[in-house]
């Protein structure tokens, strides 16, 4: 069995303190519903754990019922940090899943094909993280607005989600995070902290994350809404 944990419990600070970007309308569906739909349609995903803000549990249940998301078997309240939300999702799986794909609920343009590719690679290597090559010239600034140096972009990748792992790899990674009392911003960082090697899977740049209001228009165009 392969599982997905869709994390939609963030604070959405860049969208405004009172805004929950996961539930902002994008066409006729909330942002997170587009992400869920891709996992629902992916033949390599058997079960979905949805993690949302505590005050969005009822809204999430209603949304899943409205759109017929039959693979969403658990809806949980998230924690203060992303890692807390992911660990809560892992606790629901009870060792039943072979591989787990963790995805940002604010990435509505993910495709079933990208999800399947991360599952395929993780089956072989234990890790598979969606990422895209950095095409812009990157400047490093020590302070202020004066360029310190230019970074070699040929070795740079922008990491996305899904981030897919064998369940044992991810459980061991978060055990290490807990033991070291570390804070990580994504699952790949947890695996790296535990001494594991992370394999990247090239993903299209269209797999954007909603962080500002302007991103909603871009996502709508990409989804042809």
N, C-alpha and C. Protein backbone atom coordinates (compact mmCIF):
# COMPACT_ATOMS: atom_id res chain seq x y z
N UNK A 1 0.84 -1.20 0.00
CA UNK A 1 0.00 0.00 0.00
C UNK A 1 0.88 1.25 0.00
N UNK A 2 0.50 2.21 -0.80
CA UNK A 2 1.18 3.51 -0.84
C UNK A 2 0.24 4.58 -0.31
N UNK A 3 0.77 5.44 0.53
CA UNK A 3 -0.05 6.47 1.17
C UNK A 3 0.44 7.86 0.79
N UNK A 4 -0.45 8.82 0.94
CA UNK A 4 -0.09 10.23 0.78
C UNK A 4 -0.49 10.98 2.04
N UNK A 5 0.36 11.87 2.47
CA UNK A 5 0.02 12.82 3.54
C UNK A 5 0.00 14.20 2.91
N UNK A 6 -1.17 14.80 2.86
CA UNK A 6 -1.31 16.14 2.28
C UNK A 6 -1.40 17.12 3.44
N UNK A 7 -0.42 18.01 3.51
CA UNK A 7 -0.28 18.93 4.65
C UNK A 7 -0.87 20.28 4.27
N UNK A 8 -1.90 20.68 5.00
CA UNK A 8 -2.58 21.95 4.72
C UNK A 8 -2.92 22.65 6.03
N UNK A 9 -1.95 22.69 6.94
CA UNK A 9 -2.20 23.26 8.26
C UNK A 9 -1.34 24.50 8.52
N UNK A 10 -0.72 25.03 7.47
CA UNK A 10 0.19 26.16 7.63
C UNK A 10 -0.51 27.45 7.99
N UNK A 11 0.30 28.44 8.36
CA UNK A 11 -0.25 29.71 8.85
C UNK A 11 -0.55 30.71 7.73
N UNK A 12 -0.05 30.49 6.52
CA UNK A 12 -0.36 31.35 5.35
C UNK A 12 -0.05 32.82 5.61
N UNK A 13 1.07 33.10 6.27
CA UNK A 13 1.35 34.47 6.69
C UNK A 13 1.47 35.44 5.52
N UNK A 14 2.00 34.99 4.38
CA UNK A 14 2.17 35.90 3.25
C UNK A 14 0.86 36.18 2.52
N UNK A 15 -0.17 35.39 2.81
CA UNK A 15 -1.49 35.65 2.24
C UNK A 15 -2.35 36.50 3.18
N UNK A 16 -1.89 36.71 4.41
CA UNK A 16 -2.67 37.44 5.40
C UNK A 16 -3.00 36.55 6.58
N UNK A 17 -2.91 37.09 7.78
CA UNK A 17 -3.06 36.29 8.99
C UNK A 17 -4.42 35.60 9.10
N UNK A 18 -5.45 36.20 8.54
CA UNK A 18 -6.79 35.62 8.64
C UNK A 18 -7.14 34.71 7.46
N UNK A 19 -6.19 34.48 6.58
CA UNK A 19 -6.44 33.70 5.37
C UNK A 19 -5.86 32.30 5.52
N UNK A 20 -6.66 31.29 5.19
CA UNK A 20 -6.18 29.92 5.12
C UNK A 20 -6.09 29.58 3.63
N UNK A 21 -4.89 29.68 3.07
CA UNK A 21 -4.75 29.58 1.62
C UNK A 21 -5.19 28.22 1.08
N UNK A 22 -5.14 27.19 1.91
CA UNK A 22 -5.55 25.87 1.45
C UNK A 22 -7.03 25.85 1.07
N UNK A 23 -7.81 26.72 1.69
CA UNK A 23 -9.25 26.73 1.45
C UNK A 23 -9.73 27.94 0.65
N UNK A 24 -8.78 28.70 0.11
CA UNK A 24 -9.14 29.79 -0.80
C UNK A 24 -9.63 29.18 -2.11
N UNK A 25 -10.65 29.79 -2.70
CA UNK A 25 -11.22 29.26 -3.94
C UNK A 25 -10.24 29.42 -5.10
N UNK A 26 -10.10 28.35 -5.86
CA UNK A 26 -9.33 28.35 -7.10
C UNK A 26 -10.24 27.71 -8.14
N UNK A 27 -10.92 28.57 -8.92
CA UNK A 27 -12.00 28.08 -9.77
C UNK A 27 -13.15 27.64 -8.89
N UNK A 28 -13.66 26.45 -9.14
CA UNK A 28 -14.82 25.97 -8.39
C UNK A 28 -14.45 25.11 -7.17
N UNK A 29 -13.15 25.00 -6.90
CA UNK A 29 -12.70 24.17 -5.78
C UNK A 29 -11.73 24.95 -4.90
N UNK A 30 -11.61 24.57 -3.63
CA UNK A 30 -10.54 25.14 -2.81
C UNK A 30 -9.18 24.69 -3.34
N UNK A 31 -8.15 25.45 -3.04
CA UNK A 31 -6.80 25.11 -3.49
C UNK A 31 -6.44 23.68 -3.14
N UNK A 32 -6.66 23.28 -1.90
CA UNK A 32 -6.25 21.95 -1.46
C UNK A 32 -7.02 20.84 -2.19
N UNK A 33 -8.24 21.13 -2.62
CA UNK A 33 -9.02 20.12 -3.33
C UNK A 33 -8.38 19.74 -4.66
N UNK A 34 -7.73 20.69 -5.31
CA UNK A 34 -7.03 20.39 -6.56
C UNK A 34 -5.87 19.43 -6.29
N UNK A 35 -5.15 19.67 -5.20
CA UNK A 35 -4.04 18.78 -4.83
C UNK A 35 -4.56 17.38 -4.51
N UNK A 36 -5.62 17.31 -3.72
CA UNK A 36 -6.19 16.02 -3.36
C UNK A 36 -6.64 15.26 -4.60
N UNK A 37 -7.25 15.97 -5.52
CA UNK A 37 -7.77 15.33 -6.74
C UNK A 37 -6.66 14.61 -7.51
N UNK A 38 -5.47 15.22 -7.58
CA UNK A 38 -4.36 14.58 -8.30
C UNK A 38 -3.99 13.26 -7.64
N UNK A 39 -3.99 13.21 -6.32
CA UNK A 39 -3.67 11.97 -5.61
C UNK A 39 -4.82 10.97 -5.71
N UNK A 40 -6.03 11.48 -5.74
CA UNK A 40 -7.21 10.63 -5.91
C UNK A 40 -7.15 9.92 -7.26
N UNK A 41 -6.68 10.62 -8.29
CA UNK A 41 -6.62 10.06 -9.64
C UNK A 41 -5.37 9.22 -9.89
N UNK A 42 -4.41 9.31 -8.99
CA UNK A 42 -3.15 8.58 -9.20
C UNK A 42 -3.34 7.11 -8.84
N UNK A 43 -3.13 6.20 -9.77
CA UNK A 43 -3.35 4.78 -9.51
C UNK A 43 -2.36 4.18 -8.51
N UNK A 44 -1.26 4.89 -8.24
CA UNK A 44 -0.24 4.37 -7.32
C UNK A 44 -0.47 4.78 -5.88
N UNK A 45 -1.52 5.54 -5.62
CA UNK A 45 -1.85 5.96 -4.25
C UNK A 45 -3.11 5.24 -3.79
N UNK A 46 -3.01 4.62 -2.61
CA UNK A 46 -4.14 3.84 -2.09
C UNK A 46 -4.92 4.56 -0.99
N UNK A 47 -4.24 5.38 -0.21
CA UNK A 47 -4.92 6.05 0.90
C UNK A 47 -4.31 7.43 1.11
N UNK A 48 -5.13 8.36 1.55
CA UNK A 48 -4.71 9.75 1.75
C UNK A 48 -5.01 10.17 3.18
N UNK A 49 -4.02 10.78 3.83
CA UNK A 49 -4.21 11.43 5.13
C UNK A 49 -4.16 12.93 4.88
N UNK A 50 -5.20 13.63 5.28
CA UNK A 50 -5.28 15.08 5.10
C UNK A 50 -5.08 15.75 6.46
N UNK A 51 -4.11 16.66 6.54
CA UNK A 51 -3.81 17.36 7.78
C UNK A 51 -4.12 18.84 7.59
N UNK A 52 -5.04 19.36 8.41
CA UNK A 52 -5.50 20.74 8.26
C UNK A 52 -5.44 21.46 9.62
N UNK A 53 -5.74 22.74 9.58
CA UNK A 53 -5.85 23.48 10.84
C UNK A 53 -6.99 22.90 11.68
N UNK A 54 -6.84 23.01 12.99
CA UNK A 54 -7.84 22.44 13.89
C UNK A 54 -9.24 23.00 13.61
N UNK A 55 -9.31 24.28 13.27
CA UNK A 55 -10.63 24.89 13.04
C UNK A 55 -11.18 24.61 11.64
N UNK A 56 -10.46 23.79 10.86
CA UNK A 56 -10.91 23.47 9.50
C UNK A 56 -11.31 22.00 9.36
N UNK A 57 -11.38 21.28 10.44
CA UNK A 57 -11.69 19.85 10.35
C UNK A 57 -13.06 19.60 9.72
N UNK A 58 -14.07 20.33 10.18
CA UNK A 58 -15.41 20.14 9.62
C UNK A 58 -15.47 20.55 8.16
N UNK A 59 -14.80 21.66 7.83
CA UNK A 59 -14.78 22.12 6.44
C UNK A 59 -14.09 21.09 5.56
N UNK A 60 -13.02 20.49 6.07
CA UNK A 60 -12.30 19.49 5.28
C UNK A 60 -13.15 18.25 5.06
N UNK A 61 -13.86 17.81 6.08
CA UNK A 61 -14.74 16.64 5.94
C UNK A 61 -15.84 16.92 4.90
N UNK A 62 -16.42 18.11 4.98
CA UNK A 62 -17.46 18.47 4.03
C UNK A 62 -16.93 18.55 2.61
N UNK A 63 -15.74 19.10 2.45
CA UNK A 63 -15.13 19.21 1.12
C UNK A 63 -14.89 17.83 0.52
N UNK A 64 -14.35 16.92 1.31
CA UNK A 64 -14.06 15.58 0.79
C UNK A 64 -15.33 14.85 0.40
N UNK A 65 -16.37 15.07 1.16
CA UNK A 65 -17.66 14.45 0.82
C UNK A 65 -18.23 15.09 -0.44
N UNK A 66 -18.15 16.40 -0.55
CA UNK A 66 -18.71 17.11 -1.69
C UNK A 66 -18.07 16.67 -3.01
N UNK A 67 -16.73 16.50 -2.99
CA UNK A 67 -16.02 16.17 -4.23
C UNK A 67 -15.76 14.67 -4.39
N UNK A 68 -16.26 13.88 -3.47
CA UNK A 68 -16.17 12.43 -3.61
C UNK A 68 -14.77 11.87 -3.51
N UNK A 69 -13.97 12.42 -2.60
CA UNK A 69 -12.61 11.94 -2.42
C UNK A 69 -12.61 10.67 -1.58
N UNK A 70 -12.72 9.55 -2.23
CA UNK A 70 -12.89 8.27 -1.53
C UNK A 70 -11.60 7.75 -0.90
N UNK A 71 -10.45 8.25 -1.35
CA UNK A 71 -9.17 7.78 -0.79
C UNK A 71 -8.77 8.49 0.50
N UNK A 72 -9.46 9.57 0.84
CA UNK A 72 -9.14 10.29 2.08
C UNK A 72 -9.76 9.53 3.25
N UNK A 73 -8.91 8.79 3.95
CA UNK A 73 -9.38 7.93 5.04
C UNK A 73 -9.17 8.55 6.41
N UNK A 74 -8.32 9.58 6.49
CA UNK A 74 -8.07 10.24 7.77
C UNK A 74 -7.98 11.74 7.55
N UNK A 75 -8.63 12.51 8.42
CA UNK A 75 -8.51 13.97 8.42
C UNK A 75 -8.12 14.37 9.83
N UNK A 76 -6.94 15.00 9.97
CA UNK A 76 -6.37 15.27 11.28
C UNK A 76 -6.06 16.75 11.47
N UNK A 77 -6.03 17.21 12.73
CA UNK A 77 -5.54 18.57 12.99
C UNK A 77 -4.02 18.60 12.94
N UNK A 78 -3.47 19.66 12.38
CA UNK A 78 -2.02 19.77 12.28
C UNK A 78 -1.41 20.38 13.51
N UNK A 79 -0.09 20.39 13.54
CA UNK A 79 0.65 20.98 14.65
C UNK A 79 1.13 22.37 14.33
N UNK A 80 1.91 22.92 15.24
CA UNK A 80 2.44 24.26 15.06
C UNK A 80 3.43 24.32 13.91
N UNK A 81 4.24 23.27 13.79
CA UNK A 81 5.25 23.21 12.74
C UNK A 81 4.88 22.16 11.70
N UNK A 82 5.45 22.30 10.51
CA UNK A 82 5.18 21.33 9.45
C UNK A 82 5.55 19.92 9.91
N UNK A 83 6.71 19.78 10.55
CA UNK A 83 7.15 18.45 10.97
C UNK A 83 6.17 17.81 11.94
N UNK A 84 5.51 18.62 12.78
CA UNK A 84 4.52 18.07 13.70
C UNK A 84 3.32 17.53 12.94
N UNK A 85 2.92 18.24 11.90
CA UNK A 85 1.78 17.81 11.08
C UNK A 85 2.10 16.52 10.34
N UNK A 86 3.31 16.44 9.79
CA UNK A 86 3.71 15.23 9.06
C UNK A 86 3.80 14.04 10.01
N UNK A 87 4.36 14.25 11.19
CA UNK A 87 4.47 13.16 12.15
C UNK A 87 3.09 12.68 12.61
N UNK A 88 2.15 13.61 12.74
CA UNK A 88 0.78 13.21 13.08
C UNK A 88 0.21 12.32 11.98
N UNK A 89 0.46 12.70 10.73
CA UNK A 89 -0.01 11.88 9.61
C UNK A 89 0.63 10.51 9.59
N UNK A 90 1.92 10.44 9.89
CA UNK A 90 2.61 9.15 9.93
C UNK A 90 2.02 8.25 11.01
N UNK A 91 1.59 8.85 12.11
CA UNK A 91 1.01 8.07 13.19
C UNK A 91 -0.26 7.35 12.80
N UNK A 92 -0.94 7.84 11.77
CA UNK A 92 -2.18 7.19 11.29
C UNK A 92 -1.91 5.94 10.48
N UNK A 93 -0.71 5.82 9.97
CA UNK A 93 -0.44 4.74 9.02
C UNK A 93 -0.10 3.42 9.70
N UNK A 94 0.39 3.48 10.93
CA UNK A 94 0.62 2.27 11.73
C UNK A 94 1.47 1.22 11.01
N UNK A 95 2.40 1.67 10.19
CA UNK A 95 3.30 0.74 9.52
C UNK A 95 2.68 0.00 8.35
N UNK A 96 1.47 0.39 7.94
CA UNK A 96 0.78 -0.34 6.88
C UNK A 96 1.27 0.03 5.48
N UNK A 97 1.82 1.22 5.32
CA UNK A 97 2.19 1.69 3.98
C UNK A 97 3.63 1.33 3.64
N UNK A 98 3.85 0.95 2.40
CA UNK A 98 5.21 0.68 1.94
C UNK A 98 5.94 1.98 1.65
N UNK A 99 5.24 2.91 0.99
CA UNK A 99 5.82 4.21 0.65
C UNK A 99 4.84 5.31 0.99
N UNK A 100 5.40 6.48 1.32
CA UNK A 100 4.59 7.63 1.72
C UNK A 100 5.01 8.85 0.93
N UNK A 101 4.04 9.50 0.29
CA UNK A 101 4.29 10.73 -0.45
C UNK A 101 3.73 11.90 0.36
N UNK A 102 4.59 12.81 0.76
CA UNK A 102 4.15 14.00 1.51
C UNK A 102 4.04 15.16 0.53
N UNK A 103 2.90 15.84 0.58
CA UNK A 103 2.64 16.90 -0.41
C UNK A 103 2.07 18.13 0.27
N UNK A 104 2.47 19.31 -0.22
CA UNK A 104 1.91 20.57 0.25
C UNK A 104 0.50 20.74 -0.30
N UNK A 105 -0.45 21.00 0.58
CA UNK A 105 -1.81 21.26 0.13
C UNK A 105 -1.92 22.52 -0.70
N UNK A 106 -0.89 23.37 -0.64
CA UNK A 106 -0.87 24.62 -1.40
C UNK A 106 -0.21 24.45 -2.77
N UNK A 107 0.03 23.20 -3.20
CA UNK A 107 0.54 22.96 -4.56
C UNK A 107 -0.57 22.28 -5.37
N UNK A 108 -1.46 23.07 -5.96
CA UNK A 108 -2.63 22.52 -6.64
C UNK A 108 -2.37 21.98 -8.05
N UNK A 109 -1.19 22.27 -8.62
CA UNK A 109 -0.94 21.90 -10.02
C UNK A 109 -0.16 20.61 -10.18
N UNK A 110 0.05 19.88 -9.10
CA UNK A 110 0.74 18.59 -9.19
C UNK A 110 -0.08 17.65 -10.06
N UNK A 111 0.59 16.74 -10.74
CA UNK A 111 -0.10 15.80 -11.63
C UNK A 111 0.04 14.37 -11.12
N UNK A 112 -0.90 13.51 -11.47
CA UNK A 112 -0.76 12.09 -11.10
C UNK A 112 0.52 11.47 -11.65
N UNK A 113 0.99 11.96 -12.81
CA UNK A 113 2.20 11.41 -13.41
C UNK A 113 3.43 11.71 -12.56
N UNK A 114 3.53 12.92 -12.04
CA UNK A 114 4.66 13.26 -11.17
C UNK A 114 4.62 12.43 -9.89
N UNK A 115 3.43 12.27 -9.33
CA UNK A 115 3.27 11.45 -8.13
C UNK A 115 3.74 10.02 -8.39
N UNK A 116 3.29 9.45 -9.48
CA UNK A 116 3.67 8.08 -9.83
C UNK A 116 5.16 7.93 -10.02
N UNK A 117 5.79 8.94 -10.63
CA UNK A 117 7.24 8.86 -10.85
C UNK A 117 8.00 8.85 -9.52
N UNK A 118 7.55 9.65 -8.55
CA UNK A 118 8.23 9.63 -7.25
C UNK A 118 8.03 8.29 -6.56
N UNK A 119 6.87 7.69 -6.71
CA UNK A 119 6.62 6.36 -6.15
C UNK A 119 7.57 5.34 -6.78
N UNK A 120 7.71 5.42 -8.11
CA UNK A 120 8.56 4.47 -8.83
C UNK A 120 10.01 4.58 -8.38
N UNK A 121 10.51 5.81 -8.27
CA UNK A 121 11.91 6.00 -7.88
C UNK A 121 12.12 5.61 -6.41
N UNK A 122 11.17 5.96 -5.54
CA UNK A 122 11.30 5.61 -4.13
C UNK A 122 11.28 4.10 -3.92
N UNK A 123 10.58 3.40 -4.77
CA UNK A 123 10.54 1.93 -4.68
C UNK A 123 11.95 1.36 -4.83
N UNK A 124 12.75 2.00 -5.69
CA UNK A 124 14.09 1.51 -5.97
C UNK A 124 15.14 2.09 -5.01
N UNK A 125 15.04 3.41 -4.74
CA UNK A 125 16.12 4.07 -4.00
C UNK A 125 15.76 4.43 -2.56
N UNK A 126 14.48 4.33 -2.22
CA UNK A 126 14.04 4.66 -0.86
C UNK A 126 13.64 6.10 -0.68
N UNK A 127 14.08 6.99 -1.58
CA UNK A 127 13.73 8.40 -1.51
C UNK A 127 13.48 8.93 -2.92
N UNK A 128 12.59 9.91 -3.04
CA UNK A 128 12.29 10.51 -4.35
C UNK A 128 11.59 11.84 -4.12
N UNK A 129 12.30 12.93 -4.37
CA UNK A 129 11.79 14.27 -4.08
C UNK A 129 11.64 15.05 -5.37
N UNK A 130 10.44 15.53 -5.63
CA UNK A 130 10.19 16.35 -6.82
C UNK A 130 10.99 17.64 -6.73
N UNK A 131 11.62 18.01 -7.84
CA UNK A 131 12.45 19.23 -7.85
C UNK A 131 12.60 19.72 -9.28
N UNK A 132 12.94 20.98 -9.40
CA UNK A 132 13.17 21.56 -10.73
C UNK A 132 14.49 22.30 -10.74
N UNK A 133 15.19 22.26 -11.86
CA UNK A 133 16.47 22.95 -11.96
C UNK A 133 16.28 24.46 -11.85
N UNK A 134 17.22 25.11 -11.20
CA UNK A 134 17.18 26.57 -11.09
C UNK A 134 17.73 27.17 -12.38
N UNK A 135 16.92 28.00 -13.03
CA UNK A 135 17.31 28.60 -14.31
C UNK A 135 17.76 30.05 -14.18
N UNK A 136 17.32 30.72 -13.11
CA UNK A 136 17.72 32.11 -12.91
C UNK A 136 19.16 32.19 -12.40
N UNK A 137 19.81 33.31 -12.70
CA UNK A 137 21.11 33.58 -12.10
C UNK A 137 20.89 33.95 -10.64
N UNK A 138 21.63 33.30 -9.73
CA UNK A 138 21.42 33.49 -8.30
C UNK A 138 22.57 34.29 -7.71
N UNK A 139 22.24 35.36 -7.01
CA UNK A 139 23.22 36.20 -6.34
C UNK A 139 23.16 35.97 -4.83
N UNK A 140 24.33 35.85 -4.21
CA UNK A 140 24.40 35.73 -2.76
C UNK A 140 24.69 37.11 -2.18
N UNK A 141 23.85 37.52 -1.21
CA UNK A 141 24.00 38.84 -0.59
C UNK A 141 24.25 38.64 0.90
N UNK A 142 25.41 39.06 1.36
CA UNK A 142 25.78 38.92 2.77
C UNK A 142 24.91 39.81 3.64
N UNK A 143 24.73 41.06 3.21
CA UNK A 143 23.85 41.98 3.94
C UNK A 143 23.46 43.13 3.01
N UNK A 144 22.36 43.78 3.36
CA UNK A 144 21.89 44.89 2.55
C UNK A 144 21.49 44.43 1.16
N UNK A 145 21.81 45.21 0.14
CA UNK A 145 21.43 44.90 -1.23
C UNK A 145 22.66 44.83 -2.16
N UNK A 146 23.83 44.67 -1.56
CA UNK A 146 25.04 44.59 -2.36
C UNK A 146 25.42 43.13 -2.57
N UNK A 147 25.62 42.75 -3.84
CA UNK A 147 25.93 41.36 -4.17
C UNK A 147 27.31 40.99 -3.64
N UNK A 148 27.37 39.86 -2.93
CA UNK A 148 28.64 39.33 -2.42
C UNK A 148 29.30 38.45 -3.48
N UNK A 149 28.50 37.56 -4.07
CA UNK A 149 29.04 36.71 -5.12
C UNK A 149 27.88 36.07 -5.89
N UNK A 150 28.21 35.50 -7.04
CA UNK A 150 27.24 34.78 -7.86
C UNK A 150 27.40 33.29 -7.61
N UNK A 151 26.27 32.61 -7.42
CA UNK A 151 26.27 31.18 -7.14
C UNK A 151 26.21 30.40 -8.46
N UNK A 152 26.93 29.30 -8.53
CA UNK A 152 26.90 28.44 -9.71
C UNK A 152 25.54 27.72 -9.77
N UNK A 153 24.67 28.16 -10.67
CA UNK A 153 23.33 27.61 -10.72
C UNK A 153 23.27 26.20 -11.31
N UNK A 154 24.34 25.76 -11.96
CA UNK A 154 24.32 24.45 -12.59
C UNK A 154 24.17 23.32 -11.56
N UNK A 155 24.44 23.63 -10.31
CA UNK A 155 24.33 22.62 -9.26
C UNK A 155 23.14 22.87 -8.33
N UNK A 156 22.27 23.80 -8.70
CA UNK A 156 21.16 24.18 -7.83
C UNK A 156 19.82 23.63 -8.33
N UNK A 157 19.03 23.12 -7.40
CA UNK A 157 17.69 22.63 -7.68
C UNK A 157 16.72 23.25 -6.67
N UNK A 158 15.54 23.60 -7.14
CA UNK A 158 14.47 24.07 -6.25
C UNK A 158 13.58 22.88 -5.91
N UNK A 159 13.49 22.56 -4.65
CA UNK A 159 12.76 21.38 -4.21
C UNK A 159 11.27 21.69 -4.10
N UNK A 160 10.46 20.74 -4.53
CA UNK A 160 9.00 20.86 -4.48
C UNK A 160 8.44 19.71 -3.62
N UNK A 161 7.19 19.44 -3.81
CA UNK A 161 6.57 18.21 -3.32
C UNK A 161 5.76 17.63 -4.48
N UNK A 162 5.48 16.33 -4.51
CA UNK A 162 5.61 15.39 -3.40
C UNK A 162 7.05 15.00 -3.10
N UNK A 163 7.27 14.71 -1.81
CA UNK A 163 8.51 14.12 -1.34
C UNK A 163 8.15 12.72 -0.85
N UNK A 164 8.64 11.73 -1.54
CA UNK A 164 8.19 10.35 -1.34
C UNK A 164 9.32 9.48 -0.80
N UNK A 165 8.97 8.65 0.17
CA UNK A 165 9.97 7.82 0.85
C UNK A 165 9.38 6.47 1.21
N UNK A 166 10.26 5.50 1.35
CA UNK A 166 9.83 4.27 2.02
C UNK A 166 9.45 4.65 3.45
N UNK A 167 8.40 4.04 3.97
CA UNK A 167 7.90 4.43 5.29
C UNK A 167 8.98 4.31 6.36
N UNK A 168 9.78 3.25 6.30
CA UNK A 168 10.81 3.05 7.31
C UNK A 168 11.85 4.17 7.27
N UNK A 169 12.17 4.66 6.06
CA UNK A 169 13.15 5.75 5.92
C UNK A 169 12.62 7.01 6.57
N UNK A 170 11.35 7.33 6.33
CA UNK A 170 10.77 8.56 6.87
C UNK A 170 10.58 8.46 8.38
N UNK A 171 10.16 7.32 8.87
CA UNK A 171 10.02 7.14 10.32
C UNK A 171 11.37 7.29 11.02
N UNK A 172 12.40 6.69 10.46
CA UNK A 172 13.74 6.81 11.06
C UNK A 172 14.22 8.26 11.03
N UNK A 173 13.91 8.96 9.95
CA UNK A 173 14.33 10.36 9.82
C UNK A 173 13.70 11.23 10.89
N UNK A 174 12.41 11.06 11.11
CA UNK A 174 11.74 11.89 12.12
C UNK A 174 12.10 11.46 13.54
N UNK A 175 12.47 10.22 13.72
CA UNK A 175 12.99 9.80 15.02
C UNK A 175 14.29 10.55 15.33
N UNK A 176 15.13 10.72 14.29
CA UNK A 176 16.38 11.46 14.46
C UNK A 176 16.11 12.93 14.73
N UNK A 177 15.12 13.50 14.02
CA UNK A 177 14.75 14.90 14.23
C UNK A 177 14.30 15.12 15.67
N UNK A 178 13.47 14.21 16.16
CA UNK A 178 12.97 14.32 17.53
C UNK A 178 14.10 14.19 18.54
N UNK A 179 14.98 13.23 18.34
CA UNK A 179 16.09 12.99 19.25
C UNK A 179 17.02 14.21 19.33
N UNK A 180 17.26 14.85 18.18
CA UNK A 180 18.17 15.99 18.13
C UNK A 180 17.45 17.32 18.39
N UNK A 181 16.13 17.25 18.59
CA UNK A 181 15.32 18.46 18.83
C UNK A 181 15.55 19.48 17.71
N UNK A 182 15.60 18.97 16.50
CA UNK A 182 15.86 19.83 15.35
C UNK A 182 14.55 20.34 14.75
N UNK A 183 14.67 21.40 13.98
CA UNK A 183 13.54 21.94 13.22
C UNK A 183 13.89 21.81 11.75
N UNK A 184 13.02 21.16 10.97
CA UNK A 184 13.26 20.99 9.54
C UNK A 184 12.07 21.56 8.77
N UNK A 185 12.35 22.05 7.59
CA UNK A 185 11.29 22.68 6.79
C UNK A 185 10.72 21.75 5.74
N UNK A 186 11.37 20.61 5.53
CA UNK A 186 10.79 19.62 4.63
C UNK A 186 11.29 18.23 5.03
N UNK A 187 10.71 17.21 4.41
CA UNK A 187 11.02 15.84 4.78
C UNK A 187 12.41 15.44 4.31
N UNK A 188 12.83 15.96 3.17
CA UNK A 188 14.18 15.68 2.67
C UNK A 188 15.23 16.11 3.68
N UNK A 189 15.02 17.26 4.31
CA UNK A 189 15.96 17.75 5.32
C UNK A 189 16.03 16.79 6.51
N UNK A 190 14.89 16.20 6.87
CA UNK A 190 14.88 15.23 7.96
C UNK A 190 15.71 14.00 7.60
N UNK A 191 15.55 13.52 6.37
CA UNK A 191 16.31 12.36 5.91
C UNK A 191 17.81 12.68 5.87
N UNK A 192 18.15 13.88 5.39
CA UNK A 192 19.55 14.29 5.37
C UNK A 192 20.12 14.36 6.78
N UNK A 193 19.34 14.90 7.72
CA UNK A 193 19.78 15.00 9.11
C UNK A 193 20.09 13.62 9.69
N UNK A 194 19.31 12.63 9.27
CA UNK A 194 19.50 11.27 9.77
C UNK A 194 20.62 10.53 9.04
N UNK A 195 21.27 11.22 8.10
CA UNK A 195 22.39 10.62 7.39
C UNK A 195 22.01 9.92 6.09
N UNK A 196 20.75 10.06 5.67
CA UNK A 196 20.31 9.42 4.44
C UNK A 196 20.61 10.26 3.20
N UNK A 197 20.59 9.61 2.06
CA UNK A 197 20.79 10.29 0.78
C UNK A 197 19.44 10.49 0.10
N UNK A 198 19.24 11.67 -0.43
CA UNK A 198 17.96 12.03 -1.05
C UNK A 198 18.11 12.06 -2.56
N UNK A 199 17.25 11.33 -3.24
CA UNK A 199 17.25 11.28 -4.71
C UNK A 199 16.20 12.26 -5.23
N UNK A 200 16.59 13.08 -6.21
CA UNK A 200 15.66 14.04 -6.81
C UNK A 200 14.98 13.43 -8.04
N UNK A 201 13.76 13.87 -8.28
CA UNK A 201 13.00 13.50 -9.47
C UNK A 201 12.63 14.79 -10.17
N UNK A 202 13.06 14.95 -11.42
CA UNK A 202 12.80 16.21 -12.12
C UNK A 202 11.30 16.39 -12.35
N UNK A 203 10.82 17.55 -11.95
CA UNK A 203 9.40 17.88 -12.00
C UNK A 203 9.24 19.19 -12.77
N UNK A 204 8.10 19.42 -13.41
CA UNK A 204 7.93 20.67 -14.16
C UNK A 204 7.83 21.88 -13.24
N UNK A 205 8.28 23.02 -13.74
CA UNK A 205 8.21 24.26 -12.96
C UNK A 205 6.78 24.71 -12.73
N UNK A 206 5.84 24.10 -13.45
CA UNK A 206 4.42 24.45 -13.28
C UNK A 206 3.85 23.92 -11.96
N UNK A 207 4.60 23.08 -11.26
CA UNK A 207 4.15 22.55 -9.97
C UNK A 207 4.39 23.59 -8.89
N UNK A 208 3.71 24.72 -9.01
CA UNK A 208 3.97 25.87 -8.16
C UNK A 208 3.27 25.74 -6.81
N UNK A 209 3.78 26.51 -5.85
CA UNK A 209 3.17 26.59 -4.53
C UNK A 209 2.49 27.94 -4.39
N UNK A 210 1.28 27.94 -3.87
CA UNK A 210 0.55 29.19 -3.63
C UNK A 210 1.11 29.84 -2.37
N UNK A 211 1.72 31.01 -2.54
CA UNK A 211 2.22 31.74 -1.38
C UNK A 211 1.68 33.17 -1.32
N UNK A 212 1.31 33.73 -2.47
CA UNK A 212 0.75 35.08 -2.52
C UNK A 212 -0.55 35.05 -3.33
N UNK A 213 -1.28 36.14 -3.25
CA UNK A 213 -2.53 36.25 -4.01
C UNK A 213 -2.27 36.14 -5.51
N UNK A 214 -1.16 36.68 -5.97
CA UNK A 214 -0.83 36.65 -7.41
C UNK A 214 -0.68 35.21 -7.91
N UNK A 215 -0.24 34.32 -7.03
CA UNK A 215 -0.05 32.92 -7.44
C UNK A 215 -1.36 32.24 -7.81
N UNK A 216 -2.47 32.73 -7.26
CA UNK A 216 -3.77 32.13 -7.57
C UNK A 216 -4.10 32.31 -9.06
N UNK A 217 -3.79 33.47 -9.60
CA UNK A 217 -4.05 33.72 -11.03
C UNK A 217 -3.18 32.84 -11.90
N UNK A 218 -1.93 32.66 -11.49
CA UNK A 218 -1.02 31.80 -12.25
C UNK A 218 -1.50 30.37 -12.23
N UNK A 219 -1.89 29.89 -11.04
CA UNK A 219 -2.38 28.51 -10.92
C UNK A 219 -3.65 28.31 -11.73
N UNK A 220 -4.53 29.31 -11.73
CA UNK A 220 -5.77 29.19 -12.50
C UNK A 220 -5.47 29.05 -13.99
N UNK A 221 -4.48 29.80 -14.46
CA UNK A 221 -4.11 29.69 -15.88
C UNK A 221 -3.49 28.33 -16.18
N UNK A 222 -2.65 27.84 -15.28
CA UNK A 222 -2.01 26.53 -15.49
C UNK A 222 -3.03 25.40 -15.49
N UNK A 223 -4.06 25.54 -14.67
CA UNK A 223 -5.10 24.52 -14.58
C UNK A 223 -6.23 24.73 -15.59
N UNK A 224 -6.10 25.83 -16.37
CA UNK A 224 -7.10 26.15 -17.39
C UNK A 224 -8.48 26.30 -16.78
N UNK A 225 -8.55 27.09 -15.71
CA UNK A 225 -9.83 27.30 -15.01
C UNK A 225 -10.53 28.56 -15.50
